[in-house]
């Protein structure tokens, strides 16, 4: 069975870094960090021009988290660096406020 060891995260931002969004990576998951590292530069260059600023990072995924809900958390720092990690997700339960009962 395959396991995920790395995710390729691509982020496109405005020049002032106030608006950023995830970009779709052509190959987003890898079995090793080395596989991700081997294509990160080429993939990033392929997105140049799509956004004023493009960031790319291979993010390590702990194989022990395979059975857990995980969350990819990222931020662009004030000095223009992409910081990202995969963390254990927190369970979110959606609910709706009760509606009035018709009589």
PDB file of N, CA and C in Angstrom:
ATOM      1  N   UNK A   1       0.829  -1.179   0.000  1.00  0.00           N
ATOM      2  CA  UNK A   1       0.000   0.000   0.000  1.00  0.00           C
ATOM      3  C   UNK A   1       0.876   1.245   0.000  1.00  0.00           C
ATOM      4  N   UNK A   2       0.519   2.204  -0.826  1.00  0.00           N
ATOM      5  CA  UNK A   2       1.263   3.455  -0.893  1.00  0.00           C
ATOM      6  C   UNK A   2       1.009   4.283   0.359  1.00  0.00           C
ATOM      7  N   UNK A   3       1.998   5.071   0.721  1.00  0.00           N
ATOM      8  CA  UNK A   3       1.775   6.034   1.785  1.00  0.00           C
ATOM      9  C   UNK A   3       2.269   7.389   1.292  1.00  0.00           C
ATOM     10  N   UNK A   4       1.782   8.421   1.908  1.00  0.00           N
ATOM     11  CA  UNK A   4       2.144   9.784   1.528  1.00  0.00           C
ATOM     12  C   UNK A   4       3.222  10.273   2.476  1.00  0.00           C
ATOM     13  N   UNK A   5       4.336  10.719   1.920  1.00  0.00           N
ATOM     14  CA  UNK A   5       5.419  11.259   2.739  1.00  0.00           C
ATOM     15  C   UNK A   5       5.586  12.760   2.538  1.00  0.00           C
ATOM     16  N   UNK A   6       5.027  13.290   1.415  1.00  0.00           N
ATOM     17  CA  UNK A   6       5.181  14.713   1.138  1.00  0.00           C
ATOM     18  C   UNK A   6       4.024  15.219   0.288  1.00  0.00           C
ATOM     19  N   UNK A   7       3.699  16.473   0.502  1.00  0.00           N
ATOM     20  CA  UNK A   7       2.711  17.184  -0.312  1.00  0.00           C
ATOM     21  C   UNK A   7       3.420  18.343  -0.987  1.00  0.00           C
ATOM     22  N   UNK A   8       3.075  18.612  -2.236  1.00  0.00           N
ATOM     23  CA  UNK A   8       3.609  19.780  -2.923  1.00  0.00           C
ATOM     24  C   UNK A   8       2.574  20.889  -2.800  1.00  0.00           C
ATOM     25  N   UNK A   9       2.941  21.930  -2.095  1.00  0.00           N
ATOM     26  CA  UNK A   9       2.056  23.067  -1.860  1.00  0.00           C
ATOM     27  C   UNK A   9       2.500  24.218  -2.745  1.00  0.00           C
ATOM     28  N   UNK A  10       1.571  24.739  -3.522  1.00  0.00           N
ATOM     29  CA  UNK A  10       1.814  25.908  -4.373  1.00  0.00           C
ATOM     30  C   UNK A  10       0.862  27.011  -3.930  1.00  0.00           C
ATOM     31  N   UNK A  11       1.411  28.193  -3.712  1.00  0.00           N
ATOM     32  CA  UNK A  11       0.623  29.336  -3.276  1.00  0.00           C
ATOM     33  C   UNK A  11       0.884  30.503  -4.219  1.00  0.00           C
ATOM     34  N   UNK A  12      -0.182  31.121  -4.686  1.00  0.00           N
ATOM     35  CA  UNK A  12      -0.079  32.318  -5.515  1.00  0.00           C
ATOM     36  C   UNK A  12      -0.562  33.518  -4.722  1.00  0.00           C
ATOM     37  N   UNK A  13       0.199  34.620  -4.792  1.00  0.00           N
ATOM     38  CA  UNK A  13      -0.137  35.812  -4.000  1.00  0.00           C
ATOM     39  C   UNK A  13      -0.075  37.077  -4.849  1.00  0.00           C
ATOM     40  N   UNK A  14      -0.742  38.101  -4.342  1.00  0.00           N
ATOM     41  CA  UNK A  14      -0.620  39.430  -4.921  1.00  0.00           C
ATOM     42  C   UNK A  14       0.774  39.971  -4.587  1.00  0.00           C
ATOM     43  N   UNK A  15       1.176  41.056  -5.248  1.00  0.00           N
ATOM     44  CA  UNK A  15       2.507  41.632  -4.994  1.00  0.00           C
ATOM     45  C   UNK A  15       2.705  42.012  -3.532  1.00  0.00           C
ATOM     46  N   UNK A  16       1.646  42.510  -2.884  1.00  0.00           N
ATOM     47  CA  UNK A  16       1.764  42.951  -1.496  1.00  0.00           C
ATOM     48  C   UNK A  16       1.539  41.827  -0.480  1.00  0.00           C
ATOM     49  N   UNK A  17       1.310  40.602  -0.957  1.00  0.00           N
ATOM     50  CA  UNK A  17       1.105  39.405  -0.134  1.00  0.00           C
ATOM     51  C   UNK A  17      -0.154  39.465   0.726  1.00  0.00           C
ATOM     52  N   UNK A  18      -1.078  40.371   0.398  1.00  0.00           N
ATOM     53  CA  UNK A  18      -2.303  40.475   1.194  1.00  0.00           C
ATOM     54  C   UNK A  18      -3.372  39.490   0.748  1.00  0.00           C
ATOM     55  N   UNK A  19      -3.281  39.024  -0.488  1.00  0.00           N
ATOM     56  CA  UNK A  19      -4.230  38.033  -0.989  1.00  0.00           C
ATOM     57  C   UNK A  19      -3.451  36.853  -1.539  1.00  0.00           C
ATOM     58  N   UNK A  20      -3.657  35.700  -0.930  1.00  0.00           N
ATOM     59  CA  UNK A  20      -2.969  34.488  -1.355  1.00  0.00           C
ATOM     60  C   UNK A  20      -3.966  33.347  -1.458  1.00  0.00           C
ATOM     61  N   UNK A  21      -3.662  32.399  -2.343  1.00  0.00           N
ATOM     62  CA  UNK A  21      -4.535  31.241  -2.494  1.00  0.00           C
ATOM     63  C   UNK A  21      -3.701  30.049  -2.922  1.00  0.00           C
ATOM     64  N   UNK A  22      -4.224  28.865  -2.608  1.00  0.00           N
ATOM     65  CA  UNK A  22      -3.560  27.645  -3.045  1.00  0.00           C
ATOM     66  C   UNK A  22      -3.771  27.474  -4.545  1.00  0.00           C
ATOM     67  N   UNK A  23      -2.729  27.027  -5.222  1.00  0.00           N
ATOM     68  CA  UNK A  23      -2.796  26.723  -6.645  1.00  0.00           C
ATOM     69  C   UNK A  23      -2.791  25.201  -6.807  1.00  0.00           C
ATOM     70  N   UNK A  24      -3.440  24.700  -7.850  1.00  0.00           N
ATOM     71  CA  UNK A  24      -3.504  23.243  -8.038  1.00  0.00           C
ATOM     72  C   UNK A  24      -2.172  22.672  -8.539  1.00  0.00           C
ATOM     73  N   UNK A  25      -1.546  21.868  -7.724  1.00  0.00           N
ATOM     74  CA  UNK A  25      -0.293  21.222  -8.121  1.00  0.00           C
ATOM     75  C   UNK A  25      -0.609  20.085  -9.087  1.00  0.00           C
ATOM     76  N   UNK A  26       0.138  19.960 -10.182  1.00  0.00           N
ATOM     77  CA  UNK A  26      -0.116  18.871 -11.129  1.00  0.00           C
ATOM     78  C   UNK A  26       0.053  17.492 -10.491  1.00  0.00           C
ATOM     79  N   UNK A  27       1.020  17.346  -9.620  1.00  0.00           N
ATOM     80  CA  UNK A  27       1.207  16.125  -8.834  1.00  0.00           C
ATOM     81  C   UNK A  27       1.311  16.585  -7.387  1.00  0.00           C
ATOM     82  N   UNK A  28       0.242  16.448  -6.604  1.00  0.00           N
ATOM     83  CA  UNK A  28       0.264  17.019  -5.259  1.00  0.00           C
ATOM     84  C   UNK A  28       0.830  16.119  -4.159  1.00  0.00           C
ATOM     85  N   UNK A  29       0.896  14.801  -4.387  1.00  0.00           N
ATOM     86  CA  UNK A  29       1.359  13.911  -3.319  1.00  0.00           C
ATOM     87  C   UNK A  29       2.507  13.034  -3.796  1.00  0.00           C
ATOM     88  N   UNK A  30       3.393  12.683  -2.853  1.00  0.00           N
ATOM     89  CA  UNK A  30       4.591  11.909  -3.174  1.00  0.00           C
ATOM     90  C   UNK A  30       4.857  10.892  -2.075  1.00  0.00           C
ATOM     91  N   UNK A  31       5.474   9.799  -2.464  1.00  0.00           N
ATOM     92  CA  UNK A  31       5.840   8.758  -1.501  1.00  0.00           C
ATOM     93  C   UNK A  31       7.122   9.091  -0.744  1.00  0.00           C
ATOM     94  N   UNK A  32       7.937   9.997  -1.304  1.00  0.00           N
ATOM     95  CA  UNK A  32       9.158  10.424  -0.614  1.00  0.00           C
ATOM     96  C   UNK A  32       9.349  11.923  -0.787  1.00  0.00           C
ATOM     97  N   UNK A  33      10.068  12.536   0.154  1.00  0.00           N
ATOM     98  CA  UNK A  33      10.401  13.957   0.031  1.00  0.00           C
ATOM     99  C   UNK A  33      11.309  14.171  -1.176  1.00  0.00           C
ATOM    100  N   UNK A  34      12.192  13.216  -1.458  1.00  0.00           N
ATOM    101  CA  UNK A  34      13.117  13.346  -2.582  1.00  0.00           C
ATOM    102  C   UNK A  34      12.367  13.474  -3.902  1.00  0.00           C
ATOM    103  N   UNK A  35      11.287  12.713  -4.073  1.00  0.00           N
ATOM    104  CA  UNK A  35      10.489  12.816  -5.300  1.00  0.00           C
ATOM    105  C   UNK A  35       9.888  14.213  -5.437  1.00  0.00           C
ATOM    106  N   UNK A  36       9.393  14.747  -4.334  1.00  0.00           N
ATOM    107  CA  UNK A  36       8.813  16.096  -4.356  1.00  0.00           C
ATOM    108  C   UNK A  36       9.897  17.138  -4.646  1.00  0.00           C
ATOM    109  N   UNK A  37      11.016  17.029  -3.923  1.00  0.00           N
ATOM    110  CA  UNK A  37      12.117  17.984  -4.119  1.00  0.00           C
ATOM    111  C   UNK A  37      12.626  17.985  -5.556  1.00  0.00           C
ATOM    112  N   UNK A  38      12.558  16.839  -6.224  1.00  0.00           N
ATOM    113  CA  UNK A  38      13.081  16.725  -7.588  1.00  0.00           C
ATOM    114  C   UNK A  38      12.280  17.540  -8.603  1.00  0.00           C
ATOM    115  N   UNK A  39      11.007  17.797  -8.331  1.00  0.00           N
ATOM    116  CA  UNK A  39      10.202  18.523  -9.320  1.00  0.00           C
ATOM    117  C   UNK A  39       9.721  19.885  -8.861  1.00  0.00           C
ATOM    118  N   UNK A  40      10.040  20.275  -7.635  1.00  0.00           N
ATOM    119  CA  UNK A  40       9.485  21.517  -7.101  1.00  0.00           C
ATOM    120  C   UNK A  40       9.884  22.747  -7.923  1.00  0.00           C
ATOM    121  N   UNK A  41      11.131  22.847  -8.313  1.00  0.00           N
ATOM    122  CA  UNK A  41      11.582  24.006  -9.082  1.00  0.00           C
ATOM    123  C   UNK A  41      10.897  24.109 -10.435  1.00  0.00           C
ATOM    124  N   UNK A  42      10.829  23.012 -11.137  1.00  0.00           N
ATOM    125  CA  UNK A  42      10.180  22.979 -12.446  1.00  0.00           C
ATOM    126  C   UNK A  42       8.691  23.313 -12.319  1.00  0.00           C
ATOM    127  N   UNK A  43       8.043  22.764 -11.312  1.00  0.00           N
ATOM    128  CA  UNK A  43       6.614  23.023 -11.117  1.00  0.00           C
ATOM    129  C   UNK A  43       6.377  24.483 -10.788  1.00  0.00           C
ATOM    130  N   UNK A  44       7.196  25.046  -9.915  1.00  0.00           N
ATOM    131  CA  UNK A  44       7.055  26.466  -9.550  1.00  0.00           C
ATOM    132  C   UNK A  44       7.218  27.352 -10.779  1.00  0.00           C
ATOM    133  N   UNK A  45       8.233  27.066 -11.576  1.00  0.00           N
ATOM    134  CA  UNK A  45       8.456  27.866 -12.795  1.00  0.00           C
ATOM    135  C   UNK A  45       7.261  27.781 -13.740  1.00  0.00           C
ATOM    136  N   UNK A  46       6.600  26.643 -13.771  1.00  0.00           N
ATOM    137  CA  UNK A  46       5.424  26.481 -14.620  1.00  0.00           C
ATOM    138  C   UNK A  46       4.261  27.361 -14.211  1.00  0.00           C
ATOM    139  N   UNK A  47       4.260  27.843 -12.981  1.00  0.00           N
ATOM    140  CA  UNK A  47       3.183  28.706 -12.485  1.00  0.00           C
ATOM    141  C   UNK A  47       3.555  30.186 -12.491  1.00  0.00           C
ATOM    142  N   UNK A  48       4.799  30.507 -12.836  1.00  0.00           N
ATOM    143  CA  UNK A  48       5.186  31.913 -12.898  1.00  0.00           C
ATOM    144  C   UNK A  48       4.326  32.613 -13.936  1.00  0.00           C
ATOM    145  N   UNK A  49       3.812  33.762 -13.569  1.00  0.00           N
ATOM    146  CA  UNK A  49       2.913  34.501 -14.448  1.00  0.00           C
ATOM    147  C   UNK A  49       1.445  34.253 -14.124  1.00  0.00           C
ATOM    148  N   UNK A  50       1.151  33.149 -13.442  1.00  0.00           N
ATOM    149  CA  UNK A  50      -0.231  32.872 -13.044  1.00  0.00           C
ATOM    150  C   UNK A  50      -0.667  33.831 -11.943  1.00  0.00           C
ATOM    151  N   UNK A  51       0.269  34.221 -11.113  1.00  0.00           N
ATOM    152  CA  UNK A  51       0.059  35.158 -10.009  1.00  0.00           C
ATOM    153  C   UNK A  51       1.296  36.040  -9.932  1.00  0.00           C
ATOM    154  N   UNK A  52       1.177  37.248  -9.367  1.00  0.00           N
ATOM    155  CA  UNK A  52       2.367  38.104  -9.245  1.00  0.00           C
ATOM    156  C   UNK A  52       3.507  37.448  -8.462  1.00  0.00           C
ATOM    157  N   UNK A  53       3.165  36.669  -7.405  1.00  0.00           N
ATOM    158  CA  UNK A  53       4.188  35.962  -6.628  1.00  0.00           C
ATOM    159  C   UNK A  53       3.741  34.527  -6.430  1.00  0.00           C
ATOM    160  N   UNK A  54       4.656  33.605  -6.661  1.00  0.00           N
ATOM    161  CA  UNK A  54       4.352  32.179  -6.523  1.00  0.00           C
ATOM    162  C   UNK A  54       5.350  31.552  -5.558  1.00  0.00           C
ATOM    163  N   UNK A  55       4.817  30.799  -4.604  1.00  0.00           N
ATOM    164  CA  UNK A  55       5.627  30.099  -3.613  1.00  0.00           C
ATOM    165  C   UNK A  55       5.375  28.606  -3.759  1.00  0.00           C
ATOM    166  N   UNK A  56       6.389  27.811  -3.491  1.00  0.00           N
ATOM    167  CA  UNK A  56       6.245  26.354  -3.542  1.00  0.00           C
ATOM    168  C   UNK A  56       7.040  25.744  -2.397  1.00  0.00           C
ATOM    169  N   UNK A  57       6.479  24.693  -1.808  1.00  0.00           N
ATOM    170  CA  UNK A  57       7.169  24.007  -0.720  1.00  0.00           C
ATOM    171  C   UNK A  57       6.729  22.552  -0.680  1.00  0.00           C
ATOM    172  N   UNK A  58       7.682  21.662  -0.478  1.00  0.00           N
ATOM    173  CA  UNK A  58       7.373  20.265  -0.198  1.00  0.00           C
ATOM    174  C   UNK A  58       7.158  20.165   1.308  1.00  0.00           C
ATOM    175  N   UNK A  59       6.004  19.664   1.690  1.00  0.00           N
ATOM    176  CA  UNK A  59       5.630  19.599   3.102  1.00  0.00           C
ATOM    177  C   UNK A  59       5.664  18.145   3.551  1.00  0.00           C
ATOM    178  N   UNK A  60       6.417  17.863   4.593  1.00  0.00           N
ATOM    179  CA  UNK A  60       6.543  16.519   5.135  1.00  0.00           C
ATOM    180  C   UNK A  60       5.218  16.067   5.740  1.00  0.00           C
ATOM    181  N   UNK A  61       4.861  14.805   5.487  1.00  0.00           N
ATOM    182  CA  UNK A  61       3.676  14.190   6.083  1.00  0.00           C
ATOM    183  C   UNK A  61       4.145  12.994   6.902  1.00  0.00           C
ATOM    184  N   UNK A  62       3.871  13.018   8.178  1.00  0.00           N
ATOM    185  CA  UNK A  62       4.249  11.922   9.063  1.00  0.00           C
ATOM    186  C   UNK A  62       3.398  10.700   8.734  1.00  0.00           C
ATOM    187  N   UNK A  63       4.012   9.583   8.337  1.00  0.00           N
ATOM    188  CA  UNK A  63       3.240   8.382   8.003  1.00  0.00           C
ATOM    189  C   UNK A  63       2.348   7.906   9.140  1.00  0.00           C
ATOM    190  N   UNK A  64       2.681   8.218  10.369  1.00  0.00           N
ATOM    191  CA  UNK A  64       1.856   7.820  11.511  1.00  0.00           C
ATOM    192  C   UNK A  64       0.503   8.534  11.495  1.00  0.00           C
ATOM    193  N   UNK A  65       0.390   9.622  10.727  1.00  0.00           N
ATOM    194  CA  UNK A  65      -0.866  10.373  10.661  1.00  0.00           C
ATOM    195  C   UNK A  65      -1.811   9.819   9.592  1.00  0.00           C
ATOM    196  N   UNK A  66      -1.400   8.764   8.929  1.00  0.00           N
ATOM    197  CA  UNK A  66      -2.166   8.230   7.805  1.00  0.00           C
ATOM    198  C   UNK A  66      -3.608   7.918   8.168  1.00  0.00           C
ATOM    199  N   UNK A  67      -3.839   7.412   9.349  1.00  0.00           N
ATOM    200  CA  UNK A  67      -5.187   7.028   9.758  1.00  0.00           C
ATOM    201  C   UNK A  67      -5.931   8.161  10.468  1.00  0.00           C
ATOM    202  N   UNK A  68      -5.267   9.276  10.705  1.00  0.00           N
ATOM    203  CA  UNK A  68      -5.872  10.398  11.410  1.00  0.00           C
ATOM    204  C   UNK A  68      -6.380  11.444  10.425  1.00  0.00           C
ATOM    205  N   UNK A  69      -7.274  12.282  10.925  1.00  0.00           N
ATOM    206  CA  UNK A  69      -7.640  13.466  10.157  1.00  0.00           C
ATOM    207  C   UNK A  69      -6.452  14.417  10.261  1.00  0.00           C
ATOM    208  N   UNK A  70      -5.995  14.891   9.143  1.00  0.00           N
ATOM    209  CA  UNK A  70      -4.857  15.802   9.138  1.00  0.00           C
ATOM    210  C   UNK A  70      -5.269  17.092   8.452  1.00  0.00           C
ATOM    211  N   UNK A  71      -4.541  18.137   8.769  1.00  0.00           N
ATOM    212  CA  UNK A  71      -4.856  19.452   8.238  1.00  0.00           C
ATOM    213  C   UNK A  71      -3.567  20.099   7.740  1.00  0.00           C
ATOM    214  N   UNK A  72      -3.604  20.649   6.541  1.00  0.00           N
ATOM    215  CA  UNK A  72      -2.480  21.397   5.997  1.00  0.00           C
ATOM    216  C   UNK A  72      -2.659  22.852   6.401  1.00  0.00           C
ATOM    217  N   UNK A  73      -1.690  23.380   7.143  1.00  0.00           N
ATOM    218  CA  UNK A  73      -1.751  24.750   7.632  1.00  0.00           C
ATOM    219  C   UNK A  73      -0.585  25.507   7.019  1.00  0.00           C
ATOM    220  N   UNK A  74      -0.869  26.661   6.415  1.00  0.00           N
ATOM    221  CA  UNK A  74       0.206  27.444   5.804  1.00  0.00           C
ATOM    222  C   UNK A  74       0.000  28.925   6.049  1.00  0.00           C
ATOM    223  N   UNK A  75       1.105  29.670   5.889  1.00  0.00           N
ATOM    224  CA  UNK A  75       1.076  31.118   6.065  1.00  0.00           C
ATOM    225  C   UNK A  75       2.223  31.717   5.257  1.00  0.00           C
ATOM    226  N   UNK A  76       2.009  32.906   4.763  1.00  0.00           N
ATOM    227  CA  UNK A  76       3.079  33.687   4.150  1.00  0.00           C
ATOM    228  C   UNK A  76       3.483  34.718   5.195  1.00  0.00           C
ATOM    229  N   UNK A  77       4.727  34.677   5.622  1.00  0.00           N
ATOM    230  CA  UNK A  77       5.195  35.578   6.675  1.00  0.00           C
ATOM    231  C   UNK A  77       5.382  36.993   6.137  1.00  0.00           C
ATOM    232  N   UNK A  78       5.518  37.939   7.050  1.00  0.00           N
ATOM    233  CA  UNK A  78       5.695  39.345   6.669  1.00  0.00           C
ATOM    234  C   UNK A  78       6.937  39.549   5.811  1.00  0.00           C
ATOM    235  N   UNK A  79       7.955  38.700   6.010  1.00  0.00           N
ATOM    236  CA  UNK A  79       9.177  38.835   5.211  1.00  0.00           C
ATOM    237  C   UNK A  79       9.124  38.000   3.926  1.00  0.00           C
ATOM    238  N   UNK A  80       7.932  37.486   3.566  1.00  0.00           N
ATOM    239  CA  UNK A  80       7.748  36.823   2.282  1.00  0.00           C
ATOM    240  C   UNK A  80       8.193  35.380   2.212  1.00  0.00           C
ATOM    241  N   UNK A  81       8.069  34.631   3.307  1.00  0.00           N
ATOM    242  CA  UNK A  81       8.411  33.213   3.298  1.00  0.00           C
ATOM    243  C   UNK A  81       7.137  32.387   3.471  1.00  0.00           C
ATOM    244  N   UNK A  82       7.098  31.264   2.774  1.00  0.00           N
ATOM    245  CA  UNK A  82       6.011  30.318   2.944  1.00  0.00           C
ATOM    246  C   UNK A  82       6.370  29.369   4.070  1.00  0.00           C
ATOM    247  N   UNK A  83       5.499  29.263   5.058  1.00  0.00           N
ATOM    248  CA  UNK A  83       5.671  28.302   6.145  1.00  0.00           C
ATOM    249  C   UNK A  83       4.460  27.386   6.118  1.00  0.00           C
ATOM    250  N   UNK A  84       4.689  26.076   6.134  1.00  0.00           N
ATOM    251  CA  UNK A  84       3.587  25.124   6.054  1.00  0.00           C
ATOM    252  C   UNK A  84       3.916  23.867   6.822  1.00  0.00           C
ATOM    253  N   UNK A  85       2.867  23.209   7.338  1.00  0.00           N
ATOM    254  CA  UNK A  85       3.028  21.928   8.004  1.00  0.00           C
ATOM    255  C   UNK A  85       1.695  21.191   7.978  1.00  0.00           C
ATOM    256  N   UNK A  86       1.800  19.886   8.107  1.00  0.00           N
ATOM    257  CA  UNK A  86       0.620  19.049   8.240  1.00  0.00           C
ATOM    258  C   UNK A  86       0.499  18.718   9.716  1.00  0.00           C
ATOM    259  N   UNK A  87      -0.665  19.021  10.285  1.00  0.00           N
ATOM    260  CA  UNK A  87      -0.891  18.794  11.702  1.00  0.00           C
ATOM    261  C   UNK A  87      -2.090  17.882  11.898  1.00  0.00           C
ATOM    262  N   UNK A  88      -2.202  17.334  13.089  1.00  0.00           N
ATOM    263  CA  UNK A  88      -3.382  16.538  13.423  1.00  0.00           C
ATOM    264  C   UNK A  88      -4.581  17.475  13.402  1.00  0.00           C
ATOM    265  N   UNK A  89      -5.595  17.105  12.626  1.00  0.00           N
ATOM    266  CA  UNK A  89      -6.775  17.950  12.496  1.00  0.00           C
ATOM    267  C   UNK A  89      -7.612  17.922  13.748  1.00  0.00           C
ATOM    268  N   UNK A  90      -8.339  18.981  13.918  1.00  0.00           N
ATOM    269  CA  UNK A  90      -9.275  19.021  15.037  1.00  0.00           C
ATOM    270  C   UNK A  90     -10.651  18.691  14.497  1.00  0.00           C
ATOM    271  N   UNK A  91     -11.375  17.926  15.226  1.00  0.00           N
ATOM    272  CA  UNK A  91     -12.713  17.538  14.786  1.00  0.00           C
ATOM    273  C   UNK A  91     -13.631  18.742  14.849  1.00  0.00           C
ATOM    274  N   UNK A  92     -14.341  18.979  13.780  1.00  0.00           N
ATOM    275  CA  UNK A  92     -15.310  20.050  13.722  1.00  0.00           C
ATOM    276  C   UNK A  92     -16.670  19.428  13.500  1.00  0.00           C
ATOM    277  N   UNK A  93     -17.594  19.798  14.320  1.00  0.00           N
ATOM    278  CA  UNK A  93     -18.940  19.261  14.190  1.00  0.00           C
ATOM    279  C   UNK A  93     -19.850  20.384  13.761  1.00  0.00           C
ATOM    280  N   UNK A  94     -20.475  20.197  12.640  1.00  0.00           N
ATOM    281  CA  UNK A  94     -21.400  21.213  12.140  1.00  0.00           C
ATOM    282  C   UNK A  94     -22.774  20.956  12.734  1.00  0.00           C
ATOM    283  N   UNK A  95     -23.430  22.019  13.101  1.00  0.00           N
ATOM    284  CA  UNK A  95     -24.803  21.882  13.601  1.00  0.00           C
ATOM    285  C   UNK A  95     -25.595  23.096  13.153  1.00  0.00           C
ATOM    286  N   UNK A  96     -26.864  22.937  13.225  1.00  0.00           N
ATOM    287  CA  UNK A  96     -27.753  24.007  12.822  1.00  0.00           C
ATOM    288  C   UNK A  96     -28.597  24.373  14.018  1.00  0.00           C
ATOM    289  N   UNK A  97     -28.855  25.637  14.174  1.00  0.00           N
ATOM    290  CA  UNK A  97     -29.693  26.056  15.287  1.00  0.00           C
ATOM    291  C   UNK A  97     -31.092  25.458  15.110  1.00  0.00           C
ATOM    292  N   UNK A  98     -31.718  25.064  16.189  1.00  0.00           N
ATOM    293  CA  UNK A  98     -33.069  24.480  16.063  1.00  0.00           C
ATOM    294  C   UNK A  98     -34.026  25.482  15.453  1.00  0.00           C
ATOM    295  N   UNK A  99     -34.930  24.997  14.635  1.00  0.00           N
ATOM    296  CA  UNK A  99     -35.923  25.851  14.015  1.00  0.00           C
ATOM    297  C   UNK A  99     -37.198  25.830  14.846  1.00  0.00           C
ATOM    298  N   UNK A 100     -37.994  26.830  14.678  1.00  0.00           N
ATOM    299  CA  UNK A 100     -39.247  26.909  15.421  1.00  0.00           C
ATOM    300  C   UNK A 100     -40.165  25.770  14.962  1.00  0.00           C
ATOM    301  N   UNK A 101     -40.890  25.212  15.879  1.00  0.00           N
ATOM    302  CA  UNK A 101     -41.808  24.135  15.580  1.00  0.00           C
ATOM    303  C   UNK A 101     -43.148  24.717  15.157  1.00  0.00           C
ATOM    304  N   UNK A 102     -43.647  24.252  14.032  1.00  0.00           N
ATOM    305  CA  UNK A 102     -44.967  24.710  13.575  1.00  0.00           C
ATOM    306  C   UNK A 102     -46.034  23.984  14.348  1.00  0.00           C
ATOM    307  N   UNK A 103     -47.058  24.700  14.770  1.00  0.00           N
ATOM    308  CA  UNK A 103     -48.181  24.083  15.511  1.00  0.00           C
ATOM    309  C   UNK A 103     -49.455  24.341  14.802  1.00  0.00           C
TER     310      UNK A 103
END
